[in-house]
Amino acid sequence: MTLTSYPEGRMSAEGEVTEILGHKNDPGIDILSIIHKHGLPGEFPEEALQQAADTPETIDEKRP
């Protein structure tokens, strides 16, 4: 939301909706709003996803 006018006296502030992230009760909307608020990327880069996919699910303790 972007404020278009600030409150004066008894007048309320006015604003314009700039993006709809979802319904306030949607699962995960709280996390999405924090990501958006702080300008964080919403998805991991492809390189990070590939590295995660290449990582074994268990650790071999005998491996140096």
N, C-alpha and C. Protein backbone atom coordinates (compact mmCIF):
# COMPACT_ATOMS: atom_id res chain seq x y z
N MET A 1 0.84 -1.16 0.00
CA MET A 1 0.00 0.00 0.00
C MET A 1 0.89 1.23 0.00
N THR A 2 0.48 2.22 -0.76
CA THR A 2 1.18 3.49 -0.81
C THR A 2 0.25 4.57 -0.30
N LEU A 3 0.73 5.36 0.66
CA LEU A 3 -0.09 6.47 1.15
C LEU A 3 -0.18 7.55 0.09
N THR A 4 -1.40 8.02 -0.17
CA THR A 4 -1.59 9.10 -1.14
C THR A 4 -1.87 10.42 -0.45
N SER A 5 -2.37 10.37 0.79
CA SER A 5 -2.53 11.59 1.58
C SER A 5 -2.43 11.24 3.06
N TYR A 6 -1.79 12.10 3.79
CA TYR A 6 -1.59 11.90 5.23
C TYR A 6 -2.75 12.51 5.99
N PRO A 7 -3.01 12.00 7.19
CA PRO A 7 -4.14 12.54 7.97
C PRO A 7 -3.91 13.99 8.37
N GLU A 8 -4.97 14.76 8.30
CA GLU A 8 -4.94 16.15 8.75
C GLU A 8 -6.16 16.37 9.62
N GLY A 9 -5.95 16.88 10.81
CA GLY A 9 -7.08 17.12 11.70
C GLY A 9 -7.86 15.84 11.94
N ARG A 10 -9.14 15.86 11.54
CA ARG A 10 -9.99 14.68 11.73
C ARG A 10 -10.07 13.81 10.47
N MET A 11 -9.35 14.18 9.45
CA MET A 11 -9.35 13.42 8.19
C MET A 11 -8.43 12.19 8.33
N SER A 12 -8.86 11.08 7.77
CA SER A 12 -8.07 9.85 7.80
C SER A 12 -7.03 9.87 6.69
N ALA A 13 -6.02 9.06 6.86
CA ALA A 13 -5.04 8.87 5.79
C ALA A 13 -5.72 8.12 4.65
N GLU A 14 -5.23 8.34 3.44
CA GLU A 14 -5.73 7.61 2.27
C GLU A 14 -4.56 6.93 1.60
N GLY A 15 -4.85 5.81 0.97
CA GLY A 15 -3.79 5.07 0.31
C GLY A 15 -4.29 4.33 -0.90
N GLU A 16 -3.35 3.75 -1.61
CA GLU A 16 -3.64 3.01 -2.83
C GLU A 16 -3.00 1.63 -2.72
N VAL A 17 -3.78 0.59 -3.02
CA VAL A 17 -3.25 -0.77 -2.99
C VAL A 17 -2.32 -0.94 -4.18
N THR A 18 -1.07 -1.33 -3.91
CA THR A 18 -0.10 -1.49 -4.99
C THR A 18 0.12 -2.95 -5.36
N GLU A 19 -0.17 -3.87 -4.42
CA GLU A 19 -0.01 -5.29 -4.71
C GLU A 19 -0.84 -6.10 -3.72
N ILE A 20 -1.47 -7.14 -4.21
CA ILE A 20 -2.23 -8.05 -3.36
C ILE A 20 -1.42 -9.33 -3.21
N LEU A 21 -1.03 -9.62 -1.97
CA LEU A 21 -0.21 -10.80 -1.71
C LEU A 21 -1.06 -12.04 -1.47
N GLY A 22 -2.30 -11.86 -1.04
CA GLY A 22 -3.19 -12.97 -0.75
C GLY A 22 -4.13 -12.59 0.37
N HIS A 23 -4.98 -13.53 0.75
CA HIS A 23 -5.92 -13.31 1.85
C HIS A 23 -5.18 -13.41 3.18
N LYS A 24 -5.57 -12.60 4.14
CA LYS A 24 -4.86 -12.56 5.43
C LYS A 24 -4.84 -13.90 6.15
N ASN A 25 -5.75 -14.82 5.83
CA ASN A 25 -5.79 -16.13 6.48
C ASN A 25 -5.13 -17.23 5.64
N ASP A 26 -4.58 -16.89 4.48
CA ASP A 26 -3.91 -17.89 3.66
C ASP A 26 -2.69 -18.44 4.39
N PRO A 27 -2.45 -19.76 4.30
CA PRO A 27 -1.25 -20.32 4.92
C PRO A 27 0.01 -19.70 4.30
N GLY A 28 0.94 -19.28 5.13
CA GLY A 28 2.20 -18.73 4.64
C GLY A 28 2.16 -17.26 4.29
N ILE A 29 1.00 -16.61 4.38
CA ILE A 29 0.92 -15.20 3.98
C ILE A 29 1.73 -14.32 4.92
N ASP A 30 1.88 -14.73 6.18
CA ASP A 30 2.69 -13.94 7.11
C ASP A 30 4.15 -13.92 6.68
N ILE A 31 4.66 -15.07 6.27
CA ILE A 31 6.04 -15.15 5.79
C ILE A 31 6.19 -14.37 4.49
N LEU A 32 5.24 -14.51 3.58
CA LEU A 32 5.28 -13.79 2.31
C LEU A 32 5.30 -12.28 2.54
N SER A 33 4.52 -11.80 3.49
CA SER A 33 4.48 -10.36 3.75
C SER A 33 5.81 -9.87 4.32
N ILE A 34 6.46 -10.68 5.15
CA ILE A 34 7.78 -10.31 5.70
C ILE A 34 8.82 -10.28 4.58
N ILE A 35 8.79 -11.28 3.72
CA ILE A 35 9.71 -11.32 2.57
C ILE A 35 9.54 -10.07 1.72
N HIS A 36 8.29 -9.73 1.43
CA HIS A 36 7.99 -8.57 0.60
C HIS A 36 8.41 -7.27 1.29
N LYS A 37 8.12 -7.17 2.57
CA LYS A 37 8.43 -5.95 3.34
C LYS A 37 9.93 -5.64 3.32
N HIS A 38 10.75 -6.70 3.39
CA HIS A 38 12.19 -6.51 3.47
C HIS A 38 12.90 -6.63 2.12
N GLY A 39 12.13 -6.76 1.05
CA GLY A 39 12.71 -6.81 -0.29
C GLY A 39 13.55 -8.05 -0.56
N LEU A 40 13.21 -9.15 0.10
CA LEU A 40 13.95 -10.39 -0.10
C LEU A 40 13.41 -11.14 -1.31
N PRO A 41 14.27 -11.96 -1.95
CA PRO A 41 13.76 -12.74 -3.08
C PRO A 41 12.77 -13.79 -2.59
N GLY A 42 11.76 -14.05 -3.38
CA GLY A 42 10.73 -15.01 -3.01
C GLY A 42 11.10 -16.45 -3.29
N GLU A 43 12.15 -16.65 -4.07
CA GLU A 43 12.59 -18.00 -4.42
C GLU A 43 14.11 -18.07 -4.35
N PHE A 44 14.62 -19.29 -4.16
CA PHE A 44 16.06 -19.48 -4.15
C PHE A 44 16.59 -19.46 -5.58
N PRO A 45 17.84 -18.99 -5.77
CA PRO A 45 18.45 -19.04 -7.10
C PRO A 45 18.61 -20.50 -7.55
N GLU A 46 18.63 -20.72 -8.85
CA GLU A 46 18.75 -22.06 -9.41
C GLU A 46 20.00 -22.77 -8.89
N GLU A 47 21.10 -22.04 -8.76
CA GLU A 47 22.36 -22.62 -8.27
C GLU A 47 22.18 -23.20 -6.85
N ALA A 48 21.47 -22.48 -5.99
CA ALA A 48 21.23 -22.96 -4.63
C ALA A 48 20.33 -24.19 -4.63
N LEU A 49 19.31 -24.19 -5.49
CA LEU A 49 18.42 -25.35 -5.59
C LEU A 49 19.17 -26.58 -6.07
N GLN A 50 20.07 -26.39 -7.04
CA GLN A 50 20.85 -27.51 -7.56
C GLN A 50 21.80 -28.04 -6.50
N GLN A 51 22.43 -27.14 -5.76
CA GLN A 51 23.34 -27.57 -4.70
C GLN A 51 22.59 -28.36 -3.63
N ALA A 52 21.40 -27.93 -3.28
CA ALA A 52 20.59 -28.65 -2.30
C ALA A 52 20.20 -30.02 -2.84
N ALA A 53 19.86 -30.09 -4.12
CA ALA A 53 19.48 -31.37 -4.73
C ALA A 53 20.66 -32.34 -4.77
N ASP A 54 21.88 -31.81 -4.92
CA ASP A 54 23.08 -32.64 -4.99
C ASP A 54 23.59 -33.07 -3.62
N THR A 55 23.07 -32.51 -2.55
CA THR A 55 23.52 -32.82 -1.20
C THR A 55 22.88 -34.13 -0.74
N PRO A 56 23.69 -35.07 -0.24
CA PRO A 56 23.10 -36.34 0.22
C PRO A 56 22.20 -36.12 1.43
N GLU A 57 21.22 -37.00 1.57
CA GLU A 57 20.28 -36.88 2.69
C GLU A 57 20.88 -37.39 3.99
N THR A 58 21.88 -38.26 3.90
CA THR A 58 22.55 -38.74 5.10
C THR A 58 24.04 -38.44 4.98
N ILE A 59 24.71 -38.37 6.12
CA ILE A 59 26.14 -38.08 6.14
C ILE A 59 26.88 -39.36 6.48
N ASP A 60 27.86 -39.70 5.65
CA ASP A 60 28.70 -40.86 5.89
C ASP A 60 29.80 -40.44 6.87
N GLU A 61 29.75 -40.97 8.10
CA GLU A 61 30.71 -40.55 9.12
C GLU A 61 32.12 -41.05 8.82
N LYS A 62 32.28 -42.04 7.96
CA LYS A 62 33.60 -42.56 7.61
C LYS A 62 34.27 -41.70 6.55
N ARG A 63 33.52 -40.86 5.93
CA ARG A 63 34.05 -40.00 4.85
C ARG A 63 34.91 -38.90 5.46
N PRO A 64 36.12 -38.70 4.89
CA PRO A 64 37.01 -37.66 5.45
C PRO A 64 36.49 -36.26 5.27
